[in-house]
Every structure is written in C-alpha cells, then in structure tokens.
Protein backbone atom coordinates (compact mmCIF):
# COMPACT_ATOMS: atom_id res chain seq x y z
CA UNK A 1 78.81 122.34 134.34
CA UNK A 2 77.28 119.88 136.80
CA UNK A 3 73.51 119.80 137.38
CA UNK A 4 72.07 118.40 140.57
CA UNK A 5 68.54 118.17 141.97
CA UNK A 6 67.99 118.90 145.65
CA UNK A 7 64.78 118.62 147.66
CA UNK A 8 64.44 121.10 150.51
CA UNK A 9 61.76 121.50 153.18
CA UNK A 10 61.16 124.65 155.21
CA UNK A 11 58.55 125.58 157.80
CA UNK A 12 56.74 128.81 158.45
CA UNK A 13 56.18 128.60 162.20
CA UNK A 14 53.94 131.29 163.69
CA UNK A 15 53.55 132.28 167.32
CA UNK A 16 50.29 133.51 168.89
CA UNK A 17 50.95 137.04 167.52
CA UNK A 18 51.29 135.74 163.95
CA UNK A 19 55.05 136.41 163.92
CA UNK A 20 57.29 134.04 161.96
CA UNK A 21 60.23 132.15 163.46
CA UNK A 22 63.61 132.93 161.86
CA UNK A 23 66.98 131.32 162.67
CA UNK A 24 70.41 132.94 162.17
CA UNK A 25 72.94 130.68 160.42
CA UNK A 26 76.18 129.92 162.26
CA UNK A 27 79.74 129.59 160.90
CA UNK A 28 79.20 125.81 160.81
CA UNK A 29 77.24 126.26 157.55
CA UNK A 30 78.99 126.28 154.15
CA UNK A 31 76.72 128.94 152.63
CA UNK A 32 74.89 132.05 153.81
CA UNK A 33 76.69 132.37 157.16
CA UNK A 34 75.04 135.08 159.28
CA UNK A 35 71.86 135.15 157.17
CA UNK A 36 68.41 134.50 158.59
CA UNK A 37 66.29 131.58 157.44
CA UNK A 38 63.22 129.54 158.18
CA UNK A 39 63.82 126.21 159.93
CA UNK A 40 64.33 123.37 157.47
CA UNK A 41 66.86 121.61 155.32
CA UNK A 42 67.54 118.93 152.74
CA UNK A 43 65.39 115.85 152.34
CA UNK A 44 67.48 112.70 152.70
CA UNK A 45 67.41 110.08 149.94
CA UNK A 46 64.24 107.97 150.22
CA UNK A 47 62.80 110.11 153.03
CA UNK A 48 59.15 111.19 152.94
CA UNK A 49 58.78 114.96 152.98
CA UNK A 50 56.41 115.05 155.97
CA UNK A 51 58.98 113.09 157.98
CA UNK A 52 61.85 115.22 156.65
CA UNK A 53 60.29 118.47 157.90
CA UNK A 54 59.58 116.98 161.32
CA UNK A 55 63.18 115.67 161.55
CA UNK A 56 64.62 119.03 160.47
CA UNK A 57 62.45 120.93 162.96
CA UNK A 58 63.55 118.67 165.79
CA UNK A 59 67.23 119.00 164.78
CA UNK A 60 67.09 122.78 164.42
CA UNK A 61 64.73 123.95 167.18
CA UNK A 62 64.45 120.91 169.45
CA UNK A 63 60.68 120.60 169.19
CA UNK A 64 58.59 117.67 167.96
CA UNK A 65 55.72 119.00 165.89
CA UNK A 66 52.74 116.67 165.54
CA UNK A 67 50.97 118.51 162.75
CA UNK A 68 52.60 120.33 159.83
CA UNK A 69 50.64 121.30 156.72
CA UNK A 70 52.12 121.50 153.24
CA UNK A 71 51.25 124.97 151.95
CA UNK A 72 53.47 125.72 148.92
CA UNK A 73 55.70 123.92 146.42
CA UNK A 74 58.30 125.66 144.24
CA UNK A 75 61.24 124.84 142.03
CA UNK A 76 64.13 127.22 141.49
CA UNK A 77 67.63 127.09 140.07
CA UNK A 78 70.65 128.28 141.96
CA UNK A 79 74.19 128.76 140.63
CA UNK A 80 76.95 127.95 143.09
CA UNK A 81 80.59 129.04 143.07
CA UNK A 82 81.86 125.64 141.90
CA UNK A 83 80.11 126.00 138.50
CA UNK A 84 77.27 123.69 139.47
CA UNK A 85 73.60 124.42 138.90
CA UNK A 86 71.19 123.06 141.44
CA UNK A 87 67.51 122.66 140.76
CA UNK A 88 65.90 123.03 144.14
CA UNK A 89 62.51 121.52 144.79
CA UNK A 90 61.16 123.45 147.76
CA UNK A 91 58.25 122.27 149.89
CA UNK A 92 56.99 124.81 152.43
CA UNK A 93 55.01 123.69 155.46
CA UNK A 94 53.12 125.73 158.03
CA UNK A 95 52.53 125.05 161.71
CA UNK A 96 51.93 126.87 164.97
CA UNK A 97 54.56 127.31 167.66
CA UNK A 98 54.43 125.67 171.05
CA UNK A 99 57.15 124.71 173.48
CA UNK A 100 60.67 125.93 174.14
CA UNK A 101 63.28 126.40 171.42
CA UNK A 102 66.63 124.66 171.79
CA UNK A 103 68.88 125.62 168.87
CA UNK A 104 71.19 123.11 167.21
CA UNK A 105 74.76 124.03 166.21
CA UNK A 106 73.76 125.24 162.73
CA UNK A 107 72.24 128.43 164.19
CA UNK A 108 73.29 131.09 166.69
CA UNK A 109 70.03 132.96 167.33
CA UNK A 110 66.30 132.79 166.81
CA UNK A 111 63.70 135.51 166.60
CA UNK A 112 59.99 135.82 165.89
CA UNK A 113 59.46 138.58 163.32
CA UNK A 114 56.28 140.14 161.96
CA UNK A 115 55.73 139.74 158.23
CA UNK A 116 56.03 143.48 157.59
CA UNK A 117 59.51 143.53 159.22
CA UNK A 118 60.92 140.38 157.62
CA UNK A 119 62.18 142.32 154.57
CA UNK A 120 64.56 144.19 156.90
CA UNK A 121 66.30 140.91 157.75
CA UNK A 122 69.05 139.49 155.55
CA UNK A 123 67.33 136.27 154.42
CA UNK A 124 68.64 133.30 152.47
CA UNK A 125 67.40 132.99 148.89
CA UNK A 126 65.38 129.87 149.69
CA UNK A 127 63.65 131.39 152.72
CA UNK A 128 62.74 134.50 150.69
CA UNK A 129 61.07 132.19 148.16
CA UNK A 130 59.30 130.25 150.94
CA UNK A 131 57.86 133.39 152.52
CA UNK A 132 57.15 135.64 149.55
CA UNK A 133 56.75 133.15 146.66
C-alpha cells in the first residue's frame, strides 16, 4: 500500500449575507464529480500556502483576493480506490467576497449557501472537514 502526503488549501468565502460560496465539480475532475466543494486545491511543490490559496481562487473563480486569513489547520487520511492512503494536510482560509465570479473548467456551477443549509448539499469529504471541523 502506497502512502502519500498531500497539502490542500480551501477558502470559506462569505458574501454580505454571511452565505458561503460552494462550487459544483465538473466531469473534468477525477474524483467527486457532481459534488459541491469550497474553492481550493493542492499546494504545488515549494509553493507558500498563502500564495497557493490566492492562485487556486484565481483559477477557480477568476478573482484576485488581496487578503485571506488562515483560520483552521487539519490533517486527515483518505483511502483511494488504487490502494493508496493519502495523508491530507488541510489549511482553511477565510475571506469576504467581492467582484464577479468566472468559473474555470473544473466546475459547472456556483452558489452561495447559508450555513444551516449546507448539510443538504452533497459535499466533498475535504470541504465537509473545512466547514464543520
């Protein structure tokens, strides 16, 4: 069994009503197609996490965020179909929304959802951890 470490960044982006931005994964993704997630992704080798989250946010929603605040850090293990275990180091940032969203090809839809309605959405495992701990 192969073991791999992966660093992931995600952002909790809130609008003026306090609703959280979720993105729906497209068929272009290998895993969790059709599930909802927070914007984010893998940290590239040698990349600083504050730059990784800004890069991911620009790639996924087309907005340059000046200020993002690190709010939570987790580690979790995930078993994948190919018998590999990944230890995921998850850094969660928070920021406020401004601008106009332009989705990249990894997502088909976006929606701002209130915290009490997020449980009704089919979320990825990592985004569940980011939101609910």
